[in-house]
Amino acid sequence: MRFNKRHTHQSVESQKGFSLIELLITVSLLLVIGVVVVQTLDSVTRSQAYQADRTASLDSMRIVLNNMTKELRQATAVDESNSSESAVSFSTYVHGELRNITYTATNGTLTRRLDTGVAIPVQAGLANDSIFTYQSAPPVPGAQWVQIMLQVKPKRDPETVLVLDSEVNLRNRVQ
């Protein structure tokens, strides 16, 4: 029987392929690359969620601090009998009318109450309920400045504390 070299050569080439070891190495490398990509995407997603939560917390704090500052600047007096490190009560003008406003920090939530109305939550997640400090200035007795320090823990990273503060001069203070 005669063998054709060309025919034998073609049949050997047609039997070439991947060995089991080559296939396992390729699958292992693809698996490692896949795990790295998934971990990177997870890290980016967590970072983005943290940044969004941090931004939302800072925006909320700025709005609350700006409103408190505006109201306190117009205040005629701080009611020292109802004010403490965790509460400030003062008389101020709201739409041209003299009204009483009370901000109270309790159990991590800051509330605002107008006159004898219902206290409405304005900021949650406070890290500290002691947020008010008072300074007097003679010759008029009573608080002339109110220092406010808001400290908030973002929901997604409670080990981080965001801090905003303001020192407000009561411009309309009277005796």
N, C-alpha and C. Protein backbone atom coordinates (compact mmCIF):
# COMPACT_ATOMS: atom_id res chain seq x y z
N MET A 1 0.82 -1.16 0.00
CA MET A 1 0.00 0.00 0.00
C MET A 1 0.88 1.25 0.00
N ARG A 2 0.47 2.15 -0.83
CA ARG A 2 1.24 3.37 -0.94
C ARG A 2 0.60 4.48 -0.12
N PHE A 3 1.43 5.21 0.59
CA PHE A 3 0.94 6.35 1.38
C PHE A 3 1.30 7.63 0.67
N ASN A 4 0.37 8.45 0.62
CA ASN A 4 0.59 9.76 0.02
C ASN A 4 1.02 10.71 1.13
N LYS A 5 2.19 11.28 1.01
CA LYS A 5 2.69 12.17 2.06
C LYS A 5 1.79 13.37 2.24
N ARG A 6 1.30 13.88 1.15
CA ARG A 6 0.44 15.04 1.25
C ARG A 6 -0.86 14.68 1.98
N HIS A 7 -1.42 13.57 1.73
CA HIS A 7 -2.65 13.13 2.37
C HIS A 7 -2.44 12.92 3.87
N THR A 8 -1.34 12.33 4.26
CA THR A 8 -1.02 12.09 5.66
C THR A 8 -0.78 13.41 6.37
N HIS A 9 -0.11 14.33 5.71
CA HIS A 9 0.17 15.64 6.28
C HIS A 9 -1.13 16.42 6.53
N GLN A 10 -2.06 16.34 5.63
CA GLN A 10 -3.34 17.03 5.79
C GLN A 10 -4.14 16.44 6.94
N SER A 11 -4.13 15.19 7.12
CA SER A 11 -4.91 14.59 8.20
C SER A 11 -4.32 14.93 9.57
N VAL A 12 -3.02 15.10 9.66
CA VAL A 12 -2.39 15.50 10.92
C VAL A 12 -2.75 16.95 11.22
N GLU A 13 -2.73 17.84 10.21
CA GLU A 13 -3.09 19.24 10.41
C GLU A 13 -4.54 19.39 10.83
N SER A 14 -5.40 18.58 10.28
CA SER A 14 -6.81 18.69 10.61
C SER A 14 -7.10 18.23 12.03
N GLN A 15 -6.17 17.52 12.64
CA GLN A 15 -6.37 17.06 14.01
C GLN A 15 -5.79 18.03 15.04
N LYS A 16 -5.18 19.14 14.57
CA LYS A 16 -4.63 20.11 15.51
C LYS A 16 -5.75 20.85 16.20
N GLY A 17 -5.57 21.23 17.47
CA GLY A 17 -6.57 21.97 18.24
C GLY A 17 -5.97 22.38 19.57
N PHE A 18 -6.84 22.70 20.51
CA PHE A 18 -6.39 23.11 21.84
C PHE A 18 -6.33 21.89 22.74
N SER A 19 -5.28 21.84 23.54
CA SER A 19 -5.21 20.77 24.52
C SER A 19 -6.02 21.20 25.75
N LEU A 20 -6.30 20.27 26.60
CA LEU A 20 -7.06 20.55 27.82
C LEU A 20 -6.32 21.55 28.71
N ILE A 21 -5.03 21.44 28.78
CA ILE A 21 -4.22 22.35 29.61
C ILE A 21 -4.30 23.77 29.06
N GLU A 22 -4.20 23.92 27.75
CA GLU A 22 -4.31 25.25 27.15
C GLU A 22 -5.68 25.86 27.42
N LEU A 23 -6.70 25.06 27.32
CA LEU A 23 -8.06 25.52 27.57
C LEU A 23 -8.24 25.95 29.04
N LEU A 24 -7.70 25.18 29.97
CA LEU A 24 -7.80 25.53 31.40
C LEU A 24 -7.05 26.81 31.71
N ILE A 25 -5.88 26.99 31.12
CA ILE A 25 -5.11 28.22 31.35
C ILE A 25 -5.88 29.42 30.82
N THR A 26 -6.45 29.31 29.64
CA THR A 26 -7.21 30.41 29.05
C THR A 26 -8.44 30.75 29.90
N VAL A 27 -9.17 29.75 30.32
CA VAL A 27 -10.37 29.98 31.15
C VAL A 27 -9.96 30.61 32.49
N SER A 28 -8.86 30.16 33.08
CA SER A 28 -8.39 30.73 34.35
C SER A 28 -8.03 32.19 34.20
N LEU A 29 -7.32 32.52 33.13
CA LEU A 29 -6.95 33.93 32.90
C LEU A 29 -8.19 34.79 32.68
N LEU A 30 -9.13 34.31 31.92
CA LEU A 30 -10.37 35.06 31.70
C LEU A 30 -11.14 35.24 33.01
N LEU A 31 -11.14 34.24 33.86
CA LEU A 31 -11.81 34.33 35.16
C LEU A 31 -11.15 35.38 36.04
N VAL A 32 -9.82 35.40 36.07
CA VAL A 32 -9.10 36.40 36.87
C VAL A 32 -9.40 37.81 36.35
N ILE A 33 -9.38 38.00 35.04
CA ILE A 33 -9.69 39.30 34.45
C ILE A 33 -11.13 39.70 34.78
N GLY A 34 -12.05 38.75 34.70
CA GLY A 34 -13.45 39.03 35.03
C GLY A 34 -13.63 39.47 36.47
N VAL A 35 -12.94 38.80 37.41
CA VAL A 35 -13.04 39.15 38.83
C VAL A 35 -12.49 40.56 39.06
N VAL A 36 -11.36 40.89 38.44
CA VAL A 36 -10.78 42.22 38.60
C VAL A 36 -11.72 43.29 38.06
N VAL A 37 -12.34 43.04 36.91
CA VAL A 37 -13.27 44.01 36.32
C VAL A 37 -14.49 44.20 37.22
N VAL A 38 -15.04 43.12 37.75
CA VAL A 38 -16.22 43.22 38.62
C VAL A 38 -15.86 43.97 39.91
N GLN A 39 -14.71 43.69 40.50
CA GLN A 39 -14.31 44.40 41.72
C GLN A 39 -14.09 45.89 41.45
N THR A 40 -13.52 46.22 40.33
CA THR A 40 -13.32 47.63 39.97
C THR A 40 -14.65 48.33 39.79
N LEU A 41 -15.56 47.71 39.09
CA LEU A 41 -16.89 48.31 38.89
C LEU A 41 -17.63 48.47 40.22
N ASP A 42 -17.50 47.49 41.11
CA ASP A 42 -18.14 47.59 42.43
C ASP A 42 -17.55 48.74 43.23
N SER A 43 -16.23 48.88 43.18
CA SER A 43 -15.58 49.98 43.89
C SER A 43 -16.01 51.34 43.35
N VAL A 44 -16.08 51.46 42.04
CA VAL A 44 -16.52 52.71 41.42
C VAL A 44 -17.97 53.01 41.79
N THR A 45 -18.82 52.01 41.77
CA THR A 45 -20.24 52.19 42.13
C THR A 45 -20.39 52.64 43.57
N ARG A 46 -19.63 52.01 44.48
CA ARG A 46 -19.70 52.42 45.90
C ARG A 46 -19.20 53.85 46.09
N SER A 47 -18.13 54.17 45.43
CA SER A 47 -17.57 55.52 45.53
C SER A 47 -18.55 56.55 45.01
N GLN A 48 -19.18 56.25 43.90
CA GLN A 48 -20.16 57.18 43.33
C GLN A 48 -21.37 57.34 44.27
N ALA A 49 -21.84 56.24 44.86
CA ALA A 49 -22.96 56.31 45.80
C ALA A 49 -22.58 57.12 47.04
N TYR A 50 -21.35 56.93 47.54
CA TYR A 50 -20.90 57.69 48.69
C TYR A 50 -20.84 59.18 48.36
N GLN A 51 -20.28 59.52 47.20
CA GLN A 51 -20.17 60.92 46.80
C GLN A 51 -21.56 61.55 46.65
N ALA A 52 -22.50 60.81 46.07
CA ALA A 52 -23.86 61.34 45.90
C ALA A 52 -24.51 61.59 47.26
N ASP A 53 -24.31 60.65 48.20
CA ASP A 53 -24.87 60.81 49.55
C ASP A 53 -24.21 61.98 50.28
N ARG A 54 -22.91 62.10 50.13
CA ARG A 54 -22.17 63.20 50.76
C ARG A 54 -22.65 64.54 50.21
N THR A 55 -22.81 64.62 48.90
CA THR A 55 -23.29 65.85 48.27
C THR A 55 -24.70 66.19 48.73
N ALA A 56 -25.57 65.19 48.80
CA ALA A 56 -26.94 65.43 49.27
C ALA A 56 -26.95 65.91 50.72
N SER A 57 -26.11 65.31 51.56
CA SER A 57 -26.03 65.73 52.96
C SER A 57 -25.52 67.17 53.08
N LEU A 58 -24.47 67.50 52.33
CA LEU A 58 -23.94 68.86 52.37
C LEU A 58 -24.96 69.88 51.85
N ASP A 59 -25.67 69.54 50.79
CA ASP A 59 -26.71 70.44 50.27
C ASP A 59 -27.79 70.69 51.31
N SER A 60 -28.23 69.63 51.96
CA SER A 60 -29.26 69.76 53.00
C SER A 60 -28.75 70.62 54.15
N MET A 61 -27.51 70.39 54.57
CA MET A 61 -26.93 71.17 55.66
C MET A 61 -26.82 72.64 55.29
N ARG A 62 -26.41 72.94 54.06
CA ARG A 62 -26.29 74.34 53.62
C ARG A 62 -27.64 75.05 53.65
N ILE A 63 -28.67 74.37 53.17
CA ILE A 63 -30.01 74.98 53.15
C ILE A 63 -30.47 75.28 54.57
N VAL A 64 -30.31 74.31 55.47
CA VAL A 64 -30.73 74.50 56.86
C VAL A 64 -29.93 75.62 57.51
N LEU A 65 -28.62 75.60 57.33
CA LEU A 65 -27.76 76.62 57.94
C LEU A 65 -28.08 78.01 57.37
N ASN A 66 -28.32 78.11 56.08
CA ASN A 66 -28.67 79.40 55.48
C ASN A 66 -30.00 79.92 56.03
N ASN A 67 -30.99 79.06 56.16
CA ASN A 67 -32.29 79.49 56.71
C ASN A 67 -32.17 79.92 58.16
N MET A 68 -31.43 79.15 58.96
CA MET A 68 -31.24 79.51 60.37
C MET A 68 -30.49 80.84 60.48
N THR A 69 -29.46 81.01 59.67
CA THR A 69 -28.67 82.25 59.70
C THR A 69 -29.54 83.44 59.33
N LYS A 70 -30.32 83.31 58.29
CA LYS A 70 -31.19 84.41 57.86
C LYS A 70 -32.19 84.79 58.96
N GLU A 71 -32.81 83.79 59.58
CA GLU A 71 -33.79 84.06 60.63
C GLU A 71 -33.13 84.66 61.87
N LEU A 72 -31.98 84.15 62.25
CA LEU A 72 -31.29 84.67 63.44
C LEU A 72 -30.76 86.09 63.24
N ARG A 73 -30.32 86.39 62.03
CA ARG A 73 -29.83 87.75 61.76
C ARG A 73 -30.91 88.79 62.03
N GLN A 74 -32.15 88.44 61.75
CA GLN A 74 -33.26 89.37 61.93
C GLN A 74 -33.84 89.33 63.34
N ALA A 75 -33.31 88.45 64.18
CA ALA A 75 -33.87 88.27 65.52
C ALA A 75 -33.70 89.52 66.38
N THR A 76 -34.72 89.77 67.20
CA THR A 76 -34.66 90.88 68.13
C THR A 76 -34.07 90.43 69.47
N ALA A 77 -34.22 89.14 69.79
CA ALA A 77 -33.69 88.62 71.06
C ALA A 77 -33.70 87.10 71.04
N VAL A 78 -32.74 86.54 71.77
CA VAL A 78 -32.72 85.10 72.02
C VAL A 78 -33.37 84.87 73.37
N ASP A 79 -34.34 83.96 73.41
CA ASP A 79 -35.00 83.61 74.67
C ASP A 79 -34.08 82.67 75.43
N GLU A 80 -33.28 83.25 76.33
CA GLU A 80 -32.26 82.47 77.03
C GLU A 80 -32.85 81.42 77.97
N SER A 81 -34.06 81.62 78.42
CA SER A 81 -34.66 80.63 79.32
C SER A 81 -35.02 79.35 78.55
N ASN A 82 -35.23 79.43 77.26
CA ASN A 82 -35.58 78.26 76.45
C ASN A 82 -34.46 77.86 75.49
N SER A 83 -33.27 78.43 75.66
CA SER A 83 -32.15 78.12 74.76
C SER A 83 -31.06 77.38 75.53
N SER A 84 -30.37 76.52 74.81
CA SER A 84 -29.28 75.73 75.40
C SER A 84 -28.32 75.34 74.27
N GLU A 85 -27.43 74.39 74.56
CA GLU A 85 -26.52 73.92 73.53
C GLU A 85 -27.26 73.16 72.43
N SER A 86 -28.41 72.61 72.77
CA SER A 86 -29.16 71.82 71.78
C SER A 86 -30.45 72.51 71.31
N ALA A 87 -30.68 73.74 71.75
CA ALA A 87 -31.88 74.45 71.32
C ALA A 87 -31.63 75.95 71.31
N VAL A 88 -32.27 76.62 70.35
CA VAL A 88 -32.24 78.07 70.33
C VAL A 88 -33.67 78.54 70.06
N SER A 89 -34.11 79.47 70.89
CA SER A 89 -35.45 80.04 70.75
C SER A 89 -35.27 81.55 70.65
N PHE A 90 -35.91 82.15 69.65
CA PHE A 90 -35.71 83.58 69.43
C PHE A 90 -36.94 84.20 68.78
N SER A 91 -37.02 85.51 68.92
CA SER A 91 -38.08 86.29 68.27
C SER A 91 -37.48 86.93 67.04
N THR A 92 -38.18 86.81 65.92
CA THR A 92 -37.69 87.36 64.67
C THR A 92 -38.87 87.75 63.78
N TYR A 93 -38.55 88.47 62.74
CA TYR A 93 -39.59 88.88 61.81
C TYR A 93 -39.74 87.86 60.68
N VAL A 94 -40.98 87.40 60.50
CA VAL A 94 -41.32 86.49 59.41
C VAL A 94 -42.42 87.17 58.62
N HIS A 95 -42.14 87.53 57.40
CA HIS A 95 -43.09 88.24 56.54
C HIS A 95 -43.62 89.51 57.22
N GLY A 96 -42.70 90.23 57.90
CA GLY A 96 -43.05 91.50 58.53
C GLY A 96 -43.70 91.37 59.89
N GLU A 97 -43.93 90.15 60.37
CA GLU A 97 -44.57 89.93 61.68
C GLU A 97 -43.56 89.36 62.66
N LEU A 98 -43.58 89.82 63.91
CA LEU A 98 -42.70 89.30 64.94
C LEU A 98 -43.22 87.94 65.39
N ARG A 99 -42.38 86.88 65.22
CA ARG A 99 -42.78 85.52 65.57
C ARG A 99 -41.69 84.86 66.40
N ASN A 100 -42.05 83.80 67.12
CA ASN A 100 -41.09 83.01 67.87
C ASN A 100 -40.73 81.76 67.07
N ILE A 101 -39.43 81.52 66.94
CA ILE A 101 -38.94 80.33 66.25
C ILE A 101 -38.03 79.58 67.21
N THR A 102 -38.17 78.26 67.23
CA THR A 102 -37.34 77.41 68.07
C THR A 102 -36.77 76.28 67.23
N TYR A 103 -35.44 76.17 67.27
CA TYR A 103 -34.75 75.03 66.67
C TYR A 103 -34.28 74.14 67.80
N THR A 104 -34.55 72.85 67.70
CA THR A 104 -34.17 71.91 68.75
C THR A 104 -33.49 70.70 68.13
N ALA A 105 -32.33 70.32 68.67
CA ALA A 105 -31.62 69.12 68.24
C ALA A 105 -31.80 68.04 69.29
N THR A 106 -32.45 66.96 68.89
CA THR A 106 -32.71 65.85 69.80
C THR A 106 -32.56 64.54 69.05
N ASN A 107 -31.83 63.60 69.64
CA ASN A 107 -31.66 62.26 69.07
C ASN A 107 -31.24 62.29 67.60
N GLY A 108 -30.34 63.18 67.25
CA GLY A 108 -29.81 63.23 65.90
C GLY A 108 -30.67 63.92 64.86
N THR A 109 -31.73 64.60 65.30
CA THR A 109 -32.61 65.30 64.37
C THR A 109 -32.80 66.74 64.83
N LEU A 110 -32.67 67.67 63.89
CA LEU A 110 -32.91 69.09 64.17
C LEU A 110 -34.30 69.43 63.67
N THR A 111 -35.10 70.04 64.58
CA THR A 111 -36.46 70.44 64.22
C THR A 111 -36.61 71.95 64.32
N ARG A 112 -37.61 72.47 63.60
CA ARG A 112 -37.94 73.90 63.63
C ARG A 112 -39.42 74.03 64.00
N ARG A 113 -39.69 74.90 64.97
CA ARG A 113 -41.08 75.14 65.38
C ARG A 113 -41.35 76.64 65.31
N LEU A 114 -42.44 77.00 64.67
CA LEU A 114 -42.87 78.39 64.56
C LEU A 114 -43.97 78.61 65.57
N ASP A 115 -43.75 79.58 66.47
CA ASP A 115 -44.68 79.88 67.57
C ASP A 115 -44.99 78.60 68.35
N THR A 116 -46.27 78.24 68.48
CA THR A 116 -46.63 77.04 69.24
C THR A 116 -47.03 75.90 68.30
N GLY A 117 -46.64 76.02 67.03
CA GLY A 117 -46.99 74.98 66.05
C GLY A 117 -46.23 73.69 66.26
N VAL A 118 -46.39 72.81 65.31
CA VAL A 118 -45.75 71.50 65.36
C VAL A 118 -44.29 71.64 64.93
N ALA A 119 -43.41 70.94 65.63
CA ALA A 119 -41.99 70.93 65.28
C ALA A 119 -41.79 70.09 64.03
N ILE A 120 -41.16 70.69 63.03
CA ILE A 120 -40.94 70.02 61.74
C ILE A 120 -39.46 69.67 61.61
N PRO A 121 -39.13 68.41 61.31
CA PRO A 121 -37.73 68.04 61.12
C PRO A 121 -37.13 68.76 59.91
N VAL A 122 -35.94 69.35 60.11
CA VAL A 122 -35.28 70.05 59.02
C VAL A 122 -33.92 69.42 58.68
N GLN A 123 -33.35 68.64 59.61
CA GLN A 123 -32.07 67.98 59.33
C GLN A 123 -31.98 66.71 60.15
N ALA A 124 -31.68 65.61 59.48
CA ALA A 124 -31.51 64.32 60.16
C ALA A 124 -30.04 63.93 60.12
N GLY A 125 -29.68 62.93 60.90
CA GLY A 125 -28.33 62.38 60.89
C GLY A 125 -27.30 63.20 61.63
N LEU A 126 -27.75 64.02 62.60
CA LEU A 126 -26.78 64.82 63.36
C LEU A 126 -25.84 63.92 64.15
N ALA A 127 -24.57 64.23 64.12
CA ALA A 127 -23.59 63.48 64.89
C ALA A 127 -23.55 63.95 66.34
N ASN A 128 -24.04 65.18 66.57
CA ASN A 128 -23.97 65.78 67.89
C ASN A 128 -25.18 66.71 68.07
N ASP A 129 -25.86 66.59 69.19
CA ASP A 129 -27.03 67.45 69.45
C ASP A 129 -26.63 68.80 70.04
N SER A 130 -25.39 68.98 70.46
CA SER A 130 -24.93 70.26 71.01
C SER A 130 -24.40 71.10 69.86
N ILE A 131 -25.24 71.96 69.32
CA ILE A 131 -24.84 72.69 68.11
C ILE A 131 -24.85 74.21 68.28
N PHE A 132 -25.36 74.72 69.40
CA PHE A 132 -25.47 76.17 69.57
C PHE A 132 -24.54 76.67 70.69
N THR A 133 -23.89 77.80 70.43
CA THR A 133 -23.07 78.49 71.43
C THR A 133 -23.46 79.97 71.36
N TYR A 134 -23.55 80.61 72.53
CA TYR A 134 -24.02 82.01 72.61
C TYR A 134 -22.92 82.91 73.14
N GLN A 135 -22.84 84.12 72.57
CA GLN A 135 -21.90 85.13 73.06
C GLN A 135 -22.65 86.43 73.25
N SER A 136 -22.38 87.07 74.37
CA SER A 136 -23.03 88.35 74.64
C SER A 136 -22.07 89.49 74.32
N ALA A 137 -22.64 90.69 74.22
CA ALA A 137 -21.84 91.89 73.98
C ALA A 137 -22.47 93.05 74.71
N PRO A 138 -21.77 93.60 75.72
CA PRO A 138 -22.32 94.74 76.45
C PRO A 138 -22.47 95.94 75.51
N PRO A 139 -23.28 96.88 75.78
CA PRO A 139 -24.02 97.12 77.01
C PRO A 139 -25.37 96.41 77.04
N VAL A 140 -25.85 95.87 75.90
CA VAL A 140 -27.15 95.20 75.89
C VAL A 140 -26.97 93.78 76.43
N PRO A 141 -27.74 93.38 77.45
CA PRO A 141 -27.60 92.02 77.99
C PRO A 141 -28.17 91.00 77.00
N GLY A 142 -27.69 89.79 77.15
CA GLY A 142 -28.20 88.71 76.30
C GLY A 142 -27.27 88.41 75.14
N ALA A 143 -27.66 87.41 74.38
CA ALA A 143 -26.82 86.93 73.27
C ALA A 143 -26.78 87.94 72.13
N GLN A 144 -25.59 88.24 71.68
CA GLN A 144 -25.38 89.10 70.52
C GLN A 144 -25.04 88.24 69.30
N TRP A 145 -24.29 87.15 69.54
CA TRP A 145 -23.92 86.22 68.48
C TRP A 145 -24.37 84.82 68.85
N VAL A 146 -24.76 84.07 67.84
CA VAL A 146 -25.08 82.66 68.03
C VAL A 146 -24.19 81.89 67.06
N GLN A 147 -23.42 80.99 67.62
CA GLN A 147 -22.59 80.12 66.78
C GLN A 147 -23.34 78.80 66.58
N ILE A 148 -23.36 78.36 65.33
CA ILE A 148 -24.06 77.12 64.97
C ILE A 148 -23.03 76.19 64.35
N MET A 149 -22.97 74.96 64.83
CA MET A 149 -22.09 73.96 64.24
C MET A 149 -22.89 72.69 63.95
N LEU A 150 -23.21 72.49 62.66
CA LEU A 150 -23.91 71.28 62.24
C LEU A 150 -22.89 70.21 61.92
N GLN A 151 -23.08 69.05 62.52
CA GLN A 151 -22.23 67.89 62.24
C GLN A 151 -23.15 66.75 61.84
N VAL A 152 -22.99 66.25 60.63
CA VAL A 152 -23.88 65.22 60.09
C VAL A 152 -23.07 64.02 59.62
N LYS A 153 -23.60 62.82 59.91
CA LYS A 153 -23.00 61.58 59.43
C LYS A 153 -23.77 61.13 58.19
N PRO A 154 -23.11 61.05 57.03
CA PRO A 154 -23.80 60.55 55.83
C PRO A 154 -24.24 59.10 56.04
N LYS A 155 -25.35 58.72 55.43
CA LYS A 155 -25.90 57.37 55.63
C LYS A 155 -24.96 56.28 55.14
N ARG A 156 -24.34 56.48 54.01
CA ARG A 156 -23.53 55.41 53.41
C ARG A 156 -22.14 55.28 54.05
N ASP A 157 -21.70 56.27 54.79
CA ASP A 157 -20.40 56.20 55.46
C ASP A 157 -20.52 56.85 56.83
N PRO A 158 -21.10 56.14 57.80
CA PRO A 158 -21.35 56.74 59.12
C PRO A 158 -20.09 57.08 59.90
N GLU A 159 -18.92 56.63 59.44
CA GLU A 159 -17.68 56.97 60.14
C GLU A 159 -17.17 58.35 59.72
N THR A 160 -17.75 58.93 58.68
CA THR A 160 -17.39 60.25 58.22
C THR A 160 -18.34 61.26 58.85
N VAL A 161 -17.83 62.40 59.27
CA VAL A 161 -18.67 63.46 59.83
C VAL A 161 -18.44 64.73 59.00
N LEU A 162 -19.53 65.24 58.42
CA LEU A 162 -19.48 66.49 57.66
C LEU A 162 -19.80 67.63 58.62
N VAL A 163 -19.03 68.73 58.54
CA VAL A 163 -19.20 69.84 59.47
C VAL A 163 -19.39 71.14 58.70
N LEU A 164 -20.44 71.87 59.05
CA LEU A 164 -20.64 73.23 58.56
C LEU A 164 -20.94 74.10 59.78
N ASP A 165 -20.36 75.29 59.83
CA ASP A 165 -20.63 76.17 60.96
C ASP A 165 -20.85 77.60 60.49
N SER A 166 -21.47 78.35 61.38
CA SER A 166 -21.77 79.75 61.09
C SER A 166 -21.80 80.52 62.40
N GLU A 167 -21.39 81.78 62.33
CA GLU A 167 -21.51 82.68 63.48
C GLU A 167 -22.43 83.81 63.06
N VAL A 168 -23.55 83.92 63.74
CA VAL A 168 -24.60 84.86 63.35
C VAL A 168 -24.69 86.01 64.34
N ASN A 169 -24.66 87.22 63.80
CA ASN A 169 -24.81 88.43 64.60
C ASN A 169 -26.28 88.85 64.56
N LEU A 170 -26.89 88.99 65.72
CA LEU A 170 -28.29 89.44 65.78
C LEU A 170 -28.30 90.94 65.49
N ARG A 171 -28.68 91.31 64.30
CA ARG A 171 -28.62 92.71 63.86
C ARG A 171 -29.72 93.57 64.47
N ASN A 172 -30.85 92.99 64.79
CA ASN A 172 -31.99 93.75 65.29
C ASN A 172 -32.18 93.57 66.80
N ARG A 173 -31.12 93.20 67.50
CA ARG A 173 -31.24 92.92 68.94
C ARG A 173 -31.64 94.17 69.69
N VAL A 174 -32.59 94.01 70.60
CA VAL A 174 -33.06 95.12 71.42
C VAL A 174 -32.97 94.70 72.89
N GLN A 175 -33.06 95.71 73.75
CA GLN A 175 -33.01 95.43 75.20
C GLN A 175 -34.32 94.86 75.68
